[in-house]
Amino acid sequence: MTDVNDQNEEDEIKEDPIRLYIMDAVAAGGAVSPNDIAIKIAKDRAKDSDPDDVWRKYLLSVKQQAKSLARAGRISILRRGKPIDPNKMKGLIKLSLPVEDE
């Protein structure tokens, strides 16, 4: 029989690295821009030959994984500080730990 904690650790190991970056970014409790997360990923994976805007190639993946995490209830997608439906995500957004709609 598998312990619940062991299962959670296995899930985290199997989880997409982009999802882990998002969860780490929102863990402090503030709202974070997807751009900031993409920039962090790019810095961590940078090669000397990469252009300064290499972070842009990670942005779509960050947004797609954010939608998935929001649908699962693990984060909230915010527009103007209020949670929005992940299926209607567009424009300037931020990501945060789950918040209740007011």
C-alpha atoms as a PDB file:
ATOM      1  CA  MET A   1       0.000   0.000   0.000  1.00  0.00           C
ATOM      2  CA  THR A   2       1.349   3.420  -0.974  1.00  0.00           C
ATOM      3  CA  ASP A   3       1.537   6.177   1.633  1.00  0.00           C
ATOM      4  CA  VAL A   4      -0.268   9.392   0.610  1.00  0.00           C
ATOM      5  CA  ASN A   5       2.933  11.418   1.117  1.00  0.00           C
ATOM      6  CA  ASP A   6       4.882   9.020  -1.106  1.00  0.00           C
ATOM      7  CA  GLN A   7       2.219   9.405  -3.816  1.00  0.00           C
ATOM      8  CA  ASN A   8       2.368  13.224  -3.610  1.00  0.00           C
ATOM      9  CA  GLU A   9       6.154  13.125  -3.955  1.00  0.00           C
ATOM     10  CA  GLU A  10       5.853  10.837  -6.990  1.00  0.00           C
ATOM     11  CA  ASP A  11       3.315  13.224  -8.560  1.00  0.00           C
ATOM     12  CA  GLU A  12       5.664  16.182  -8.034  1.00  0.00           C
ATOM     13  CA  ILE A  13       8.558  14.274  -9.615  1.00  0.00           C
ATOM     14  CA  LYS A  14       6.431  13.404 -12.674  1.00  0.00           C
ATOM     15  CA  GLU A  15       5.000  16.910 -12.947  1.00  0.00           C
ATOM     16  CA  ASP A  16       5.982  19.159 -15.843  1.00  0.00           C
ATOM     17  CA  PRO A  17       8.917  21.436 -14.902  1.00  0.00           C
ATOM     18  CA  ILE A  18       6.997  24.509 -16.098  1.00  0.00           C
ATOM     19  CA  ARG A  19       4.213  23.689 -13.612  1.00  0.00           C
ATOM     20  CA  LEU A  20       6.802  23.464 -10.841  1.00  0.00           C
ATOM     21  CA  TYR A  21       8.172  26.907 -11.742  1.00  0.00           C
ATOM     22  CA  ILE A  22       4.635  28.326 -11.574  1.00  0.00           C
ATOM     23  CA  MET A  23       3.906  26.712  -8.209  1.00  0.00           C
ATOM     24  CA  ASP A  24       7.242  27.936  -6.825  1.00  0.00           C
ATOM     25  CA  ALA A  25       6.538  31.460  -8.073  1.00  0.00           C
ATOM     26  CA  VAL A  26       3.107  31.706  -6.420  1.00  0.00           C
ATOM     27  CA  ALA A  27       4.142  29.895  -3.231  1.00  0.00           C
ATOM     28  CA  ALA A  28       5.163  33.156  -1.529  1.00  0.00           C
ATOM     29  CA  GLY A  29       1.550  34.312  -1.685  1.00  0.00           C
ATOM     30  CA  GLY A  30       1.824  37.217  -4.113  1.00  0.00           C
ATOM     31  CA  ALA A  31       0.581  37.609  -7.667  1.00  0.00           C
ATOM     32  CA  VAL A  32       3.174  36.878 -10.359  1.00  0.00           C
ATOM     33  CA  SER A  33       3.233  37.754 -14.047  1.00  0.00           C
ATOM     34  CA  PRO A  34       3.627  34.861 -16.518  1.00  0.00           C
ATOM     35  CA  ASN A  35       6.407  36.939 -18.116  1.00  0.00           C
ATOM     36  CA  ASP A  36       8.372  36.889 -14.848  1.00  0.00           C
ATOM     37  CA  ILE A  37       8.069  33.103 -14.664  1.00  0.00           C
ATOM     38  CA  ALA A  38       9.178  32.711 -18.300  1.00  0.00           C
ATOM     39  CA  ILE A  39      12.169  34.996 -17.626  1.00  0.00           C
ATOM     40  CA  LYS A  40      13.158  32.885 -14.590  1.00  0.00           C
ATOM     41  CA  ILE A  41      12.961  29.681 -16.639  1.00  0.00           C
ATOM     42  CA  ALA A  42      15.051  31.234 -19.418  1.00  0.00           C
ATOM     43  CA  LYS A  43      17.703  32.439 -16.960  1.00  0.00           C
ATOM     44  CA  ASP A  44      17.938  28.990 -15.374  1.00  0.00           C
ATOM     45  CA  ARG A  45      18.325  27.320 -18.771  1.00  0.00           C
ATOM     46  CA  ALA A  46      20.324  30.039 -20.554  1.00  0.00           C
ATOM     47  CA  LYS A  47      23.250  29.384 -22.824  1.00  0.00           C
ATOM     48  CA  ASP A  48      25.819  32.053 -23.655  1.00  0.00           C
ATOM     49  CA  SER A  49      24.610  32.102 -27.257  1.00  0.00           C
ATOM     50  CA  ASP A  50      20.942  32.761 -26.356  1.00  0.00           C
ATOM     51  CA  PRO A  51      19.432  36.147 -27.258  1.00  0.00           C
ATOM     52  CA  ASP A  52      18.144  38.407 -24.465  1.00  0.00           C
ATOM     53  CA  ASP A  53      14.504  37.678 -25.333  1.00  0.00           C
ATOM     54  CA  VAL A  54      14.838  33.872 -25.263  1.00  0.00           C
ATOM     55  CA  TRP A  55      12.319  33.924 -22.387  1.00  0.00           C
ATOM     56  CA  ARG A  56       9.536  34.566 -24.931  1.00  0.00           C
ATOM     57  CA  LYS A  57       9.770  30.970 -26.159  1.00  0.00           C
ATOM     58  CA  TYR A  58       8.661  29.793 -22.697  1.00  0.00           C
ATOM     59  CA  LEU A  59       5.732  32.206 -22.355  1.00  0.00           C
ATOM     60  CA  LEU A  60       3.130  30.129 -24.215  1.00  0.00           C
ATOM     61  CA  SER A  61       4.042  27.034 -22.170  1.00  0.00           C
ATOM     62  CA  VAL A  62       3.739  29.028 -18.929  1.00  0.00           C
ATOM     63  CA  LYS A  63       0.278  30.267 -19.937  1.00  0.00           C
ATOM     64  CA  GLN A  64      -0.897  26.808 -21.031  1.00  0.00           C
ATOM     65  CA  GLN A  65       0.292  25.193 -17.807  1.00  0.00           C
ATOM     66  CA  ALA A  66      -1.262  28.045 -15.786  1.00  0.00           C
ATOM     67  CA  LYS A  67      -4.636  27.302 -17.394  1.00  0.00           C
ATOM     68  CA  SER A  68      -4.271  23.636 -16.500  1.00  0.00           C
ATOM     69  CA  LEU A  69      -3.306  24.429 -12.892  1.00  0.00           C
ATOM     70  CA  ALA A  70      -6.205  26.877 -12.571  1.00  0.00           C
ATOM     71  CA  ARG A  71      -8.701  24.310 -13.870  1.00  0.00           C
ATOM     72  CA  ALA A  72      -7.369  21.892 -11.235  1.00  0.00           C
ATOM     73  CA  GLY A  73      -7.865  24.542  -8.524  1.00  0.00           C
ATOM     74  CA  ARG A  74      -4.168  24.784  -7.668  1.00  0.00           C
ATOM     75  CA  ILE A  75      -3.776  28.456  -8.687  1.00  0.00           C
ATOM     76  CA  SER A  76      -5.941  31.425  -9.655  1.00  0.00           C
ATOM     77  CA  ILE A  77      -5.580  33.500 -12.798  1.00  0.00           C
ATOM     78  CA  LEU A  78      -6.174  37.155 -11.979  1.00  0.00           C
ATOM     79  CA  ARG A  79      -7.151  40.104 -14.141  1.00  0.00           C
ATOM     80  CA  ARG A  80      -7.262  43.446 -12.336  1.00  0.00           C
ATOM     81  CA  GLY A  81      -6.786  41.534  -9.076  1.00  0.00           C
ATOM     82  CA  LYS A  82      -9.889  39.346  -9.477  1.00  0.00           C
ATOM     83  CA  PRO A  83      -9.976  35.650 -10.405  1.00  0.00           C
ATOM     84  CA  ILE A  84     -11.133  34.855 -13.931  1.00  0.00           C
ATOM     85  CA  ASP A  85     -12.238  31.732 -15.763  1.00  0.00           C
ATOM     86  CA  PRO A  86      -9.090  30.042 -17.161  1.00  0.00           C
ATOM     87  CA  ASN A  87     -10.954  29.425 -20.425  1.00  0.00           C
ATOM     88  CA  LYS A  88     -11.351  33.189 -20.872  1.00  0.00           C
ATOM     89  CA  MET A  89      -7.712  34.041 -20.178  1.00  0.00           C
ATOM     90  CA  LYS A  90      -6.415  36.887 -22.342  1.00  0.00           C
ATOM     91  CA  GLY A  91      -4.744  40.229 -21.898  1.00  0.00           C
ATOM     92  CA  LEU A  92      -2.684  41.198 -18.875  1.00  0.00           C
ATOM     93  CA  ILE A  93      -2.951  38.575 -16.176  1.00  0.00           C
ATOM     94  CA  LYS A  94      -1.196  37.500 -13.002  1.00  0.00           C
ATOM     95  CA  LEU A  95      -1.041  34.138 -11.281  1.00  0.00           C
ATOM     96  CA  SER A  96      -1.544  33.502  -7.581  1.00  0.00           C
ATOM     97  CA  LEU A  97      -2.433  30.880  -5.056  1.00  0.00           C
ATOM     98  CA  PRO A  98      -6.170  30.103  -5.205  1.00  0.00           C
ATOM     99  CA  VAL A  99      -8.400  33.007  -4.169  1.00  0.00           C
ATOM    100  CA  GLU A 100     -12.152  33.203  -3.797  1.00  0.00           C
ATOM    101  CA  ASP A 101     -14.111  35.416  -6.157  1.00  0.00           C
ATOM    102  CA  GLU A 102     -15.555  38.384  -4.273  1.00  0.00           C
END
